Structures are given as C-alpha cells and as structure tokens.
Amino acid sequence: MKEKNAKSKTAKVKSKSKNAASAENAALVKENAPDTALVVPANDLGDSPGVLDATDSSNAVGDAGPVDGDSAGMPVLPTAEQLGITITAGNAASAGNAAGNAPLSATVGDTINFPVTVSWSVNGSAILVVPTSSANAKGILQLGVSQESSRSVKDGKEMAQITFNYKLVMQDTGNLNIPAMRFEIPTPMGQSLDLRSESVPIRVDAPFNAMPFIAGGVVGVCVLLAALWRMRKRANARATAAAKNAFENALREKMVVLKQRVMVADSREWLLELEGICKEYAFEKFGAAEGTAAGMSADKMPAASAVNLDALVADGKLDGWKPLLEEFAHARYGGGKRDSFENKETWKLAMTLMGVKEDD
C-alpha cells in the first residue's frame, strides 16, 4: 500500500510540473505576440482599446489548461469613425456644398472622372486601402480607375489621403446613380476593415441636336417665301383684273357714246371711230408687238393705231372679224353715206366680237 501511495504522489508532482510548464509557455506566447495590427491613439477611441492586439483577455490560460484557438472569439475591430477615417465620393464642391447634395449632370456618351477619396489621421501611420467594387451600374460603364496619394496638415494634425479616380462613360439618359464604392483595409490579424461610400445621383441628358432647329428654320423660310410669292401673285392678279375691268368699263363707255351718235354722226367718220375702238381692244388683248402696221415700228406710231387688224384676222386670232373689217375698208376706201340702222347693226356685231355687254 505504501508503494502505491508513493506512486500516486509522484504522478501528482509530475502533473503539477506539466501544468506549470504550460502556464509559462502561455505567458511567453502572450509576451511575444505582435504589439499591433493597426495603431490607433487611445485618446481618439475613448473607451475603445488603443491597440488592436492579436490576443484577447478571454484567451487567458486558467487552471484548466490552454484554450483552443478555434473556439476563441476574434478581436473586435474599431470603426472607421473611431480611427478618424473618412470617405468622400465626388468632387468636394459637389459633395460638401452649402446647397446640399446637388446631382451631377452629363450628356449621354460623355466620359467623366469620378473621384472617391479616403482620408485619415493616424500620426504618420500608413494604411493600405484596397477597392473591392466597381462603378458599373445601369446606364454607367467603368472604363478604368487610377489612384493618387497626398498629405496635408489640418488643425495641427497631419492628414493623409488616397484618391481613386474612376473613369466612367454615360450610356443612357435619365436620373442615374453612381453606386456606392466599397474598400477594405487589411490588418495583420487577418481581418479587414470595411469602408463604404454613398451613392451619388447624376442626371444624364440626350445630346443637343441642332439639325431639327435648322430644318425647321429652313422649312419656315420656305413657307414664308412661298407665302410672299402667293401674296405677290394674288396682288398682281388683282392689279391685272382691276386694269382689265377699268379697260372694259372705258371701252363700254366709248361704245355707248358711239351708239348714241349713230343717228347724227357722219357714217364714214363713225365707222372709222369704231375701227379705232376695235384696235384698242386688239392692242389690250394681244399687245403692241402683234399685228403692227407694215413698215412701221410701235415706237413711231400711237400704240393702238399700230395694230393691224387684217394681220390678226389672217393669223386666226380674230375669228369672225372679217365682215366687220370689210365695213371698215368700205368706209375708208369706198366712201358714201350709210343708213344709221346699218351702222347700228355693225355696232352690235362689234360689241359681240369684243365681248362687251351694254349695261341694262
């Protein structure tokens, strides 16, 4: 029995020694762990831990032995606000103007440069920012992206920033939205801090096409010219009709006066006067160039007297006028007195041939 108890005590001593060795190893592991994955000033985080440790207090070794790493919780990362990291989408004038978030504007087919800026103040610490999304959306196509870094001092603090310039082409019209951009900041602990910008509205209009306005202007000018031409043509027609009416009225008055003189006037003179009226009618109807007297030009004789009625009858332009011209020839060459009723019948024939109607 004494030998068995001695063995039991020896086992307990070995167990204690083993546990002590495990505790020492755990302490060394905690002491040699990396200090930080992303250093953050404690005063910027408030109650949050100032250092993102690779281990957690919940992983402390107790009397029961070391805790399995797979069952331990991952360390909680601080937020972007706690780290002083900000993200701005769009130009500063559009994103932070006093008028609010005024939408951008473009024309379909335009290529624009859309910047997204990540800024932070970590006392000179460097941060790796990795874009994890694209700007492709309905009506928007991303052609490429470039980045540039810069540093500045604001309120006594050194500010660093990375600007990602997205080259976008507008493919459709309407009220579109440039989607939110997502970024990751890797940490030595294997976790990544996620950042996300806000979507930005953009108004895309159709390109201005001047051809409809030019075509409309040309059509308008053509319509105006056509209207002016019609007005001028109507004015000329009215003037011609007025002149014709005036001539017909004057011709009617002369014929009426001639009728009143048929009983008292010399028959030869009366017929020659009727011939002169008929020549005026022919001149008005055919012009001075038609049937001028042989051997004379129109500028050397009165216009009406220059008309040759015989030539016009021979050309078939005065159909039915031959009996009337025979009366004129008899008065000019035969002489002799004629009865008034014969002259009156000649007057009626002339009225019919010239289309003149006596007023009722």
Protein backbone atom coordinates (compact mmCIF):
# COMPACT_ATOMS: atom_id res chain seq x y z
CA MET A 1 0.00 0.00 0.00
CA LYS A 2 2.84 2.45 0.84
CA GLU A 3 4.42 1.77 -2.53
CA LYS A 4 1.13 2.50 -4.33
CA ASN A 5 0.64 5.79 -2.49
CA ALA A 6 4.19 6.81 -3.30
CA LYS A 7 3.50 6.28 -6.98
CA SER A 8 0.33 8.35 -6.74
CA LYS A 9 2.18 11.30 -5.15
CA THR A 10 4.83 11.06 -7.80
CA ALA A 11 2.13 11.32 -10.53
CA LYS A 12 0.64 14.37 -8.88
CA VAL A 13 4.02 16.06 -8.74
CA LYS A 14 4.59 15.39 -12.45
CA SER A 15 1.13 16.72 -13.30
CA LYS A 16 1.79 19.93 -11.41
CA SER A 17 5.12 20.32 -13.13
CA LYS A 18 3.44 19.85 -16.52
CA ASN A 19 0.77 22.42 -15.73
CA ALA A 20 3.41 24.91 -14.57
CA ALA A 21 5.30 24.45 -17.83
CA SER A 22 2.13 25.06 -19.84
CA ALA A 23 1.44 28.27 -17.92
CA GLU A 24 4.95 29.52 -18.56
CA ASN A 25 4.66 28.78 -22.29
CA ALA A 26 1.33 30.61 -22.45
CA ALA A 27 2.88 33.62 -20.75
CA LEU A 28 5.74 33.63 -23.25
CA VAL A 29 3.32 33.40 -26.18
CA LYS A 30 1.38 36.40 -24.87
CA GLU A 31 4.56 38.34 -24.19
CA ASN A 32 5.98 37.68 -27.72
CA ALA A 33 2.74 38.45 -29.63
CA PRO A 34 2.91 41.44 -32.10
CA ASP A 35 2.03 44.71 -30.47
CA THR A 36 -0.47 45.99 -33.07
CA ALA A 37 -2.03 45.35 -36.40
CA LEU A 38 -3.28 48.97 -36.81
CA VAL A 39 -2.09 51.52 -34.22
CA VAL A 40 -4.76 53.94 -33.03
CA PRO A 41 -4.20 56.70 -30.46
CA ALA A 42 -6.07 55.89 -27.26
CA ASN A 43 -7.47 59.38 -26.90
CA ASP A 44 -9.14 59.05 -30.33
CA LEU A 45 -11.03 55.92 -29.37
CA GLY A 46 -12.33 56.86 -25.91
CA ASP A 47 -13.21 53.67 -24.12
CA SER A 48 -12.16 51.54 -27.09
CA PRO A 49 -8.79 49.80 -26.89
CA GLY A 50 -5.93 51.87 -28.24
CA VAL A 51 -4.15 48.84 -29.72
CA LEU A 52 -5.66 46.08 -31.82
CA ASP A 53 -3.95 43.09 -30.08
CA ALA A 54 -3.55 39.71 -31.72
CA THR A 55 -4.80 38.09 -28.49
CA ASP A 56 -7.73 38.81 -26.23
CA SER A 57 -8.13 38.66 -22.44
CA SER A 58 -10.65 35.92 -22.93
CA ASN A 59 -7.77 33.71 -24.13
CA ALA A 60 -6.01 33.78 -20.76
CA VAL A 61 -4.88 30.40 -19.50
CA GLY A 62 -6.63 29.14 -16.39
CA ASP A 63 -6.09 26.23 -14.21
CA ALA A 64 -7.89 24.01 -16.67
CA GLY A 65 -5.08 24.44 -19.30
CA PRO A 66 -4.79 26.40 -22.63
CA VAL A 67 -7.88 27.39 -24.58
CA ASP A 68 -8.22 26.12 -28.15
CA GLY A 69 -7.66 28.97 -30.69
CA ASP A 70 -10.60 27.93 -32.94
CA SER A 71 -13.05 28.34 -30.07
CA ALA A 72 -11.73 31.78 -29.10
CA GLY A 73 -13.59 34.89 -30.40
CA MET A 74 -11.90 37.18 -32.98
CA PRO A 75 -10.80 40.61 -31.68
CA VAL A 76 -13.32 43.41 -32.25
CA LEU A 77 -12.05 45.99 -34.76
CA PRO A 78 -12.73 49.68 -34.14
CA THR A 79 -14.99 51.53 -36.58
CA ALA A 80 -13.76 53.92 -39.27
CA GLU A 81 -15.12 56.85 -37.25
CA GLN A 82 -13.12 55.77 -34.22
CA LEU A 83 -9.98 55.59 -36.36
CA GLY A 84 -10.65 59.01 -37.88
CA ILE A 85 -11.03 57.58 -41.39
CA THR A 86 -13.45 59.38 -43.71
CA ILE A 87 -14.54 58.60 -47.27
CA THR A 88 -15.86 61.19 -49.73
CA ALA A 89 -17.45 60.41 -53.11
CA GLY A 90 -17.43 63.03 -55.85
CA ASN A 91 -15.74 66.39 -56.06
CA ALA A 92 -15.54 68.43 -52.90
CA ALA A 93 -17.61 71.21 -54.45
CA SER A 94 -20.44 68.79 -55.17
CA ALA A 95 -20.24 66.70 -52.04
CA GLY A 96 -19.93 69.45 -49.44
CA ASN A 97 -21.54 72.49 -50.93
CA ALA A 98 -23.89 74.66 -48.91
CA ALA A 99 -26.76 73.99 -51.26
CA GLY A 100 -26.85 70.31 -50.39
CA ASN A 101 -26.26 67.20 -52.46
CA ALA A 102 -26.86 68.67 -55.88
CA PRO A 103 -26.84 65.92 -58.51
CA LEU A 104 -24.13 65.83 -61.13
CA SER A 105 -25.06 66.33 -64.77
CA ALA A 106 -23.69 64.94 -68.01
CA THR A 107 -24.65 64.10 -71.57
CA VAL A 108 -25.08 60.59 -72.87
CA GLY A 109 -21.78 59.45 -74.39
CA ASP A 110 -19.72 61.71 -72.11
CA THR A 111 -16.72 60.32 -70.21
CA ILE A 112 -16.36 61.78 -66.72
CA ASN A 113 -13.80 61.46 -63.93
CA PHE A 114 -15.44 60.49 -60.63
CA PRO A 115 -13.12 60.73 -57.57
CA VAL A 116 -13.53 58.82 -54.29
CA THR A 117 -11.19 59.99 -51.50
CA VAL A 118 -10.23 58.09 -48.33
CA SER A 119 -8.68 60.37 -45.64
CA TRP A 120 -7.26 59.59 -42.19
CA SER A 121 -5.09 60.97 -39.42
CA VAL A 122 -3.03 58.26 -37.78
CA ASN A 123 0.10 60.19 -36.81
CA GLY A 124 2.09 59.20 -39.84
CA SER A 125 0.93 55.56 -39.98
CA ALA A 126 0.48 54.08 -43.43
CA ILE A 127 -2.78 52.36 -44.41
CA LEU A 128 -3.36 50.05 -47.35
CA VAL A 129 -6.73 50.76 -48.98
CA VAL A 130 -7.95 48.11 -51.44
CA PRO A 131 -11.01 48.82 -53.68
CA THR A 132 -13.35 45.82 -53.78
CA SER A 133 -16.17 47.03 -56.06
CA SER A 134 -16.70 48.74 -59.41
CA ALA A 135 -18.78 51.70 -60.54
CA ASN A 136 -20.70 49.70 -63.14
CA ALA A 137 -24.43 50.36 -62.90
CA LYS A 138 -27.49 50.83 -65.09
CA GLY A 139 -26.50 53.27 -67.82
CA ILE A 140 -22.95 53.68 -66.42
CA LEU A 141 -19.82 51.79 -67.54
CA GLN A 142 -16.47 51.94 -65.75
CA LEU A 143 -13.56 52.20 -68.18
CA GLY A 144 -10.75 52.23 -65.63
CA VAL A 145 -9.51 53.52 -62.27
CA SER A 146 -6.34 55.24 -61.10
CA GLN A 147 -5.19 56.41 -57.68
CA GLU A 148 -3.04 59.14 -56.19
CA SER A 149 -1.86 59.84 -52.64
CA SER A 150 -1.23 63.12 -50.83
CA ARG A 151 -0.66 64.53 -47.33
CA SER A 152 -1.71 67.80 -45.69
CA VAL A 153 -1.94 69.43 -42.27
CA LYS A 154 -5.37 70.26 -40.85
CA ASP A 155 -5.96 71.71 -37.38
CA GLY A 156 -2.40 70.81 -36.40
CA LYS A 157 -2.83 67.20 -37.45
CA GLU A 158 -1.20 65.52 -40.39
CA MET A 159 -3.85 64.21 -42.76
CA ALA A 160 -3.17 61.57 -45.39
CA GLN A 161 -5.50 60.65 -48.22
CA ILE A 162 -5.80 58.36 -51.22
CA THR A 163 -7.99 59.40 -54.15
CA PHE A 164 -9.34 56.78 -56.53
CA ASN A 165 -10.29 58.34 -59.88
CA TYR A 166 -12.93 56.28 -61.69
CA LYS A 167 -13.24 56.88 -65.43
CA LEU A 168 -16.93 56.45 -66.29
CA VAL A 169 -18.86 56.70 -69.56
CA MET A 170 -22.57 57.57 -69.63
CA GLN A 171 -24.52 55.09 -71.77
CA ASP A 172 -28.14 56.01 -71.07
CA THR A 173 -30.25 59.06 -70.28
CA GLY A 174 -32.29 59.76 -67.16
CA ASN A 175 -31.72 60.10 -63.43
CA LEU A 176 -28.92 57.57 -62.78
CA ASN A 177 -26.92 56.73 -59.67
CA ILE A 178 -23.20 56.13 -59.38
CA PRO A 179 -23.15 53.17 -56.96
CA ALA A 180 -21.50 53.16 -53.52
CA MET A 181 -17.82 52.23 -53.66
CA ARG A 182 -16.51 49.61 -51.22
CA PHE A 183 -12.96 49.40 -49.87
CA GLU A 184 -11.06 47.16 -47.44
CA ILE A 185 -8.17 48.00 -45.11
CA PRO A 186 -6.29 44.74 -44.30
CA THR A 187 -4.88 44.25 -40.78
CA PRO A 188 -2.13 41.90 -39.54
CA MET A 189 -4.76 39.97 -37.57
CA GLY A 190 -6.30 38.59 -40.76
CA GLN A 191 -9.41 40.76 -40.51
CA SER A 192 -10.20 43.72 -42.81
CA LEU A 193 -11.86 46.99 -42.00
CA ASP A 194 -14.70 47.63 -44.48
CA LEU A 195 -15.40 51.12 -45.86
CA ARG A 196 -18.35 52.16 -47.98
CA SER A 197 -19.09 55.48 -49.73
CA GLU A 198 -22.54 56.84 -50.52
CA SER A 199 -24.12 56.58 -53.95
CA VAL A 200 -24.16 59.81 -55.94
CA PRO A 201 -27.05 60.81 -58.26
CA ILE A 202 -26.27 62.03 -61.74
CA ARG A 203 -28.57 63.46 -64.39
CA VAL A 204 -27.76 62.34 -67.94
CA ASP A 205 -29.44 64.19 -70.82
CA ALA A 206 -29.59 63.49 -74.52
CA PRO A 207 -27.05 65.37 -76.67
CA PHE A 208 -28.22 68.62 -78.21
CA ASN A 209 -29.11 68.17 -81.86
CA ALA A 210 -29.29 71.36 -83.88
CA MET A 211 -30.50 69.67 -87.07
CA PRO A 212 -34.23 69.78 -86.18
CA PHE A 213 -33.93 73.51 -85.49
CA ILE A 214 -32.02 74.09 -88.72
CA ALA A 215 -34.51 72.02 -90.69
CA GLY A 216 -37.38 73.84 -89.00
CA GLY A 217 -35.79 77.18 -89.84
CA VAL A 218 -35.31 76.20 -93.48
CA VAL A 219 -38.90 74.97 -93.70
CA GLY A 220 -40.10 78.17 -92.06
CA VAL A 221 -38.16 80.32 -94.54
CA CYS A 222 -39.51 78.28 -97.44
CA VAL A 223 -43.06 78.63 -96.15
CA LEU A 224 -42.56 82.36 -95.68
CA LEU A 225 -41.15 82.78 -99.20
CA ALA A 226 -43.99 80.72 -100.64
CA ALA A 227 -46.50 82.84 -98.76
CA LEU A 228 -44.87 86.03 -100.03
CA TRP A 229 -44.84 84.65 -103.57
CA ARG A 230 -48.55 83.76 -103.33
CA MET A 231 -49.34 87.19 -101.91
CA ARG A 232 -47.42 88.88 -104.69
CA LYS A 233 -49.07 86.69 -107.30
CA ARG A 234 -52.52 87.47 -105.91
CA ALA A 235 -51.66 91.16 -105.80
CA ASN A 236 -50.56 91.04 -109.44
CA ALA A 237 -53.68 89.13 -110.36
CA ARG A 238 -55.83 91.70 -108.57
CA ALA A 239 -53.97 94.53 -110.28
CA THR A 240 -54.39 92.83 -113.66
CA ALA A 241 -58.06 92.21 -113.02
CA ALA A 242 -58.53 95.80 -111.89
CA ALA A 243 -56.78 97.09 -115.00
CA LYS A 244 -58.87 94.79 -117.18
CA ASN A 245 -62.07 95.91 -115.53
CA ALA A 246 -61.04 99.53 -115.93
CA PHE A 247 -60.31 98.99 -119.62
CA GLU A 248 -63.60 97.16 -120.16
CA ASN A 249 -65.50 99.94 -118.44
CA ALA A 250 -63.76 102.56 -120.54
CA LEU A 251 -64.41 100.51 -123.70
CA ARG A 252 -68.08 100.15 -122.76
CA GLU A 253 -68.43 103.88 -122.21
CA LYS A 254 -66.88 104.62 -125.63
CA MET A 255 -69.22 102.12 -127.30
CA VAL A 256 -72.24 103.60 -125.54
CA VAL A 257 -71.28 107.10 -126.66
CA LEU A 258 -70.75 105.77 -130.20
CA LYS A 259 -74.21 104.21 -130.16
CA GLN A 260 -75.76 107.49 -129.12
CA ARG A 261 -74.11 109.24 -132.08
CA VAL A 262 -75.10 106.68 -134.71
CA MET A 263 -78.14 108.72 -135.79
CA VAL A 264 -76.39 112.09 -136.21
CA ALA A 265 -72.73 111.39 -136.99
CA ASP A 266 -71.24 111.03 -140.45
CA SER A 267 -71.33 107.32 -141.28
CA ARG A 268 -67.74 107.26 -142.60
CA GLU A 269 -66.31 109.03 -139.56
CA TRP A 270 -68.47 106.93 -137.29
CA LEU A 271 -67.13 103.67 -138.78
CA LEU A 272 -63.51 104.84 -138.61
CA GLU A 273 -64.04 105.76 -134.95
CA LEU A 274 -65.45 102.28 -134.35
CA GLU A 275 -62.34 100.83 -136.03
CA GLY A 276 -60.14 102.79 -133.63
CA ILE A 277 -62.03 101.33 -130.65
CA CYS A 278 -61.60 97.82 -132.09
CA LYS A 279 -57.84 98.43 -132.45
CA GLU A 280 -57.66 99.45 -128.78
CA TYR A 281 -59.37 96.19 -127.90
CA ALA A 282 -56.87 94.18 -130.01
CA PHE A 283 -53.92 96.07 -128.52
CA GLU A 284 -55.12 95.34 -124.97
CA LYS A 285 -55.66 91.69 -125.77
CA PHE A 286 -52.60 90.87 -127.91
CA GLY A 287 -50.10 93.64 -127.17
CA ALA A 288 -48.33 96.19 -129.35
CA ALA A 289 -45.98 93.61 -130.90
CA GLU A 290 -48.86 91.75 -132.53
CA GLY A 291 -50.07 92.88 -135.95
CA THR A 292 -48.26 96.22 -136.17
CA ALA A 293 -48.66 98.13 -139.40
CA ALA A 294 -46.28 97.10 -142.15
CA GLY A 295 -43.13 99.14 -142.37
CA MET A 296 -43.63 100.87 -139.00
CA SER A 297 -42.44 100.06 -135.53
CA ALA A 298 -44.55 100.56 -132.45
CA ASP A 299 -42.36 103.42 -131.14
CA LYS A 300 -43.09 105.54 -134.25
CA MET A 301 -46.90 105.49 -134.06
CA PRO A 302 -49.62 105.51 -131.42
CA ALA A 303 -49.87 102.11 -129.73
CA ALA A 304 -53.48 101.36 -130.66
CA SER A 305 -53.17 102.67 -134.20
CA ALA A 306 -50.14 100.40 -134.72
CA VAL A 307 -52.32 97.30 -134.56
CA ASN A 308 -53.09 95.67 -137.95
CA LEU A 309 -56.49 94.02 -137.64
CA ASP A 310 -56.18 92.38 -141.07
CA ALA A 311 -52.98 90.62 -139.97
CA LEU A 312 -54.60 89.39 -136.81
CA VAL A 313 -57.58 88.03 -138.80
CA ALA A 314 -55.19 86.34 -141.22
CA ASP A 315 -53.38 84.71 -138.27
CA GLY A 316 -56.70 83.40 -136.98
CA LYS A 317 -56.52 85.45 -133.77
CA LEU A 318 -59.67 87.45 -134.51
CA ASP A 319 -62.13 84.77 -135.51
CA GLY A 320 -65.35 86.13 -137.09
CA TRP A 321 -63.99 89.64 -137.52
CA LYS A 322 -63.79 89.55 -141.34
CA PRO A 323 -67.30 91.07 -142.00
CA LEU A 324 -66.51 93.84 -139.55
CA LEU A 325 -63.19 94.62 -141.25
CA GLU A 326 -65.00 94.78 -144.64
CA GLU A 327 -67.21 97.54 -143.24
CA PHE A 328 -64.12 99.43 -142.10
CA ALA A 329 -62.49 99.01 -145.54
CA HIS A 330 -65.65 100.26 -147.31
CA ALA A 331 -65.74 103.35 -145.11
CA ARG A 332 -62.04 104.02 -145.71
CA TYR A 333 -61.90 103.42 -149.47
CA GLY A 334 -65.47 103.31 -150.85
CA GLY A 335 -66.93 106.34 -149.15
CA GLY A 336 -70.64 107.03 -149.46
CA LYS A 337 -73.32 107.53 -146.89
CA ARG A 338 -74.78 104.58 -144.99
CA ASP A 339 -78.05 104.30 -143.17
CA SER A 340 -77.98 104.57 -139.42
CA PHE A 341 -79.64 101.18 -138.90
CA GLU A 342 -76.79 99.56 -140.90
CA ASN A 343 -74.22 101.24 -138.68
CA LYS A 344 -76.18 100.12 -135.62
CA GLU A 345 -76.02 96.51 -136.81
CA THR A 346 -72.27 96.94 -137.28
CA TRP A 347 -72.09 98.32 -133.72
CA LYS A 348 -73.92 95.26 -132.37
CA LEU A 349 -71.53 92.95 -134.24
CA ALA A 350 -68.52 94.78 -132.78
CA MET A 351 -69.99 94.56 -129.26
CA THR A 352 -70.45 90.80 -129.69
CA LEU A 353 -66.98 90.19 -131.13
CA MET A 354 -65.28 92.18 -128.33
CA GLY A 355 -67.45 90.57 -125.61
CA VAL A 356 -68.68 93.90 -124.29
CA LYS A 357 -72.14 93.92 -122.73
CA GLU A 358 -74.27 97.00 -122.63
CA ASP A 359 -75.47 98.00 -119.17
CA ASP A 360 -79.17 97.40 -118.59
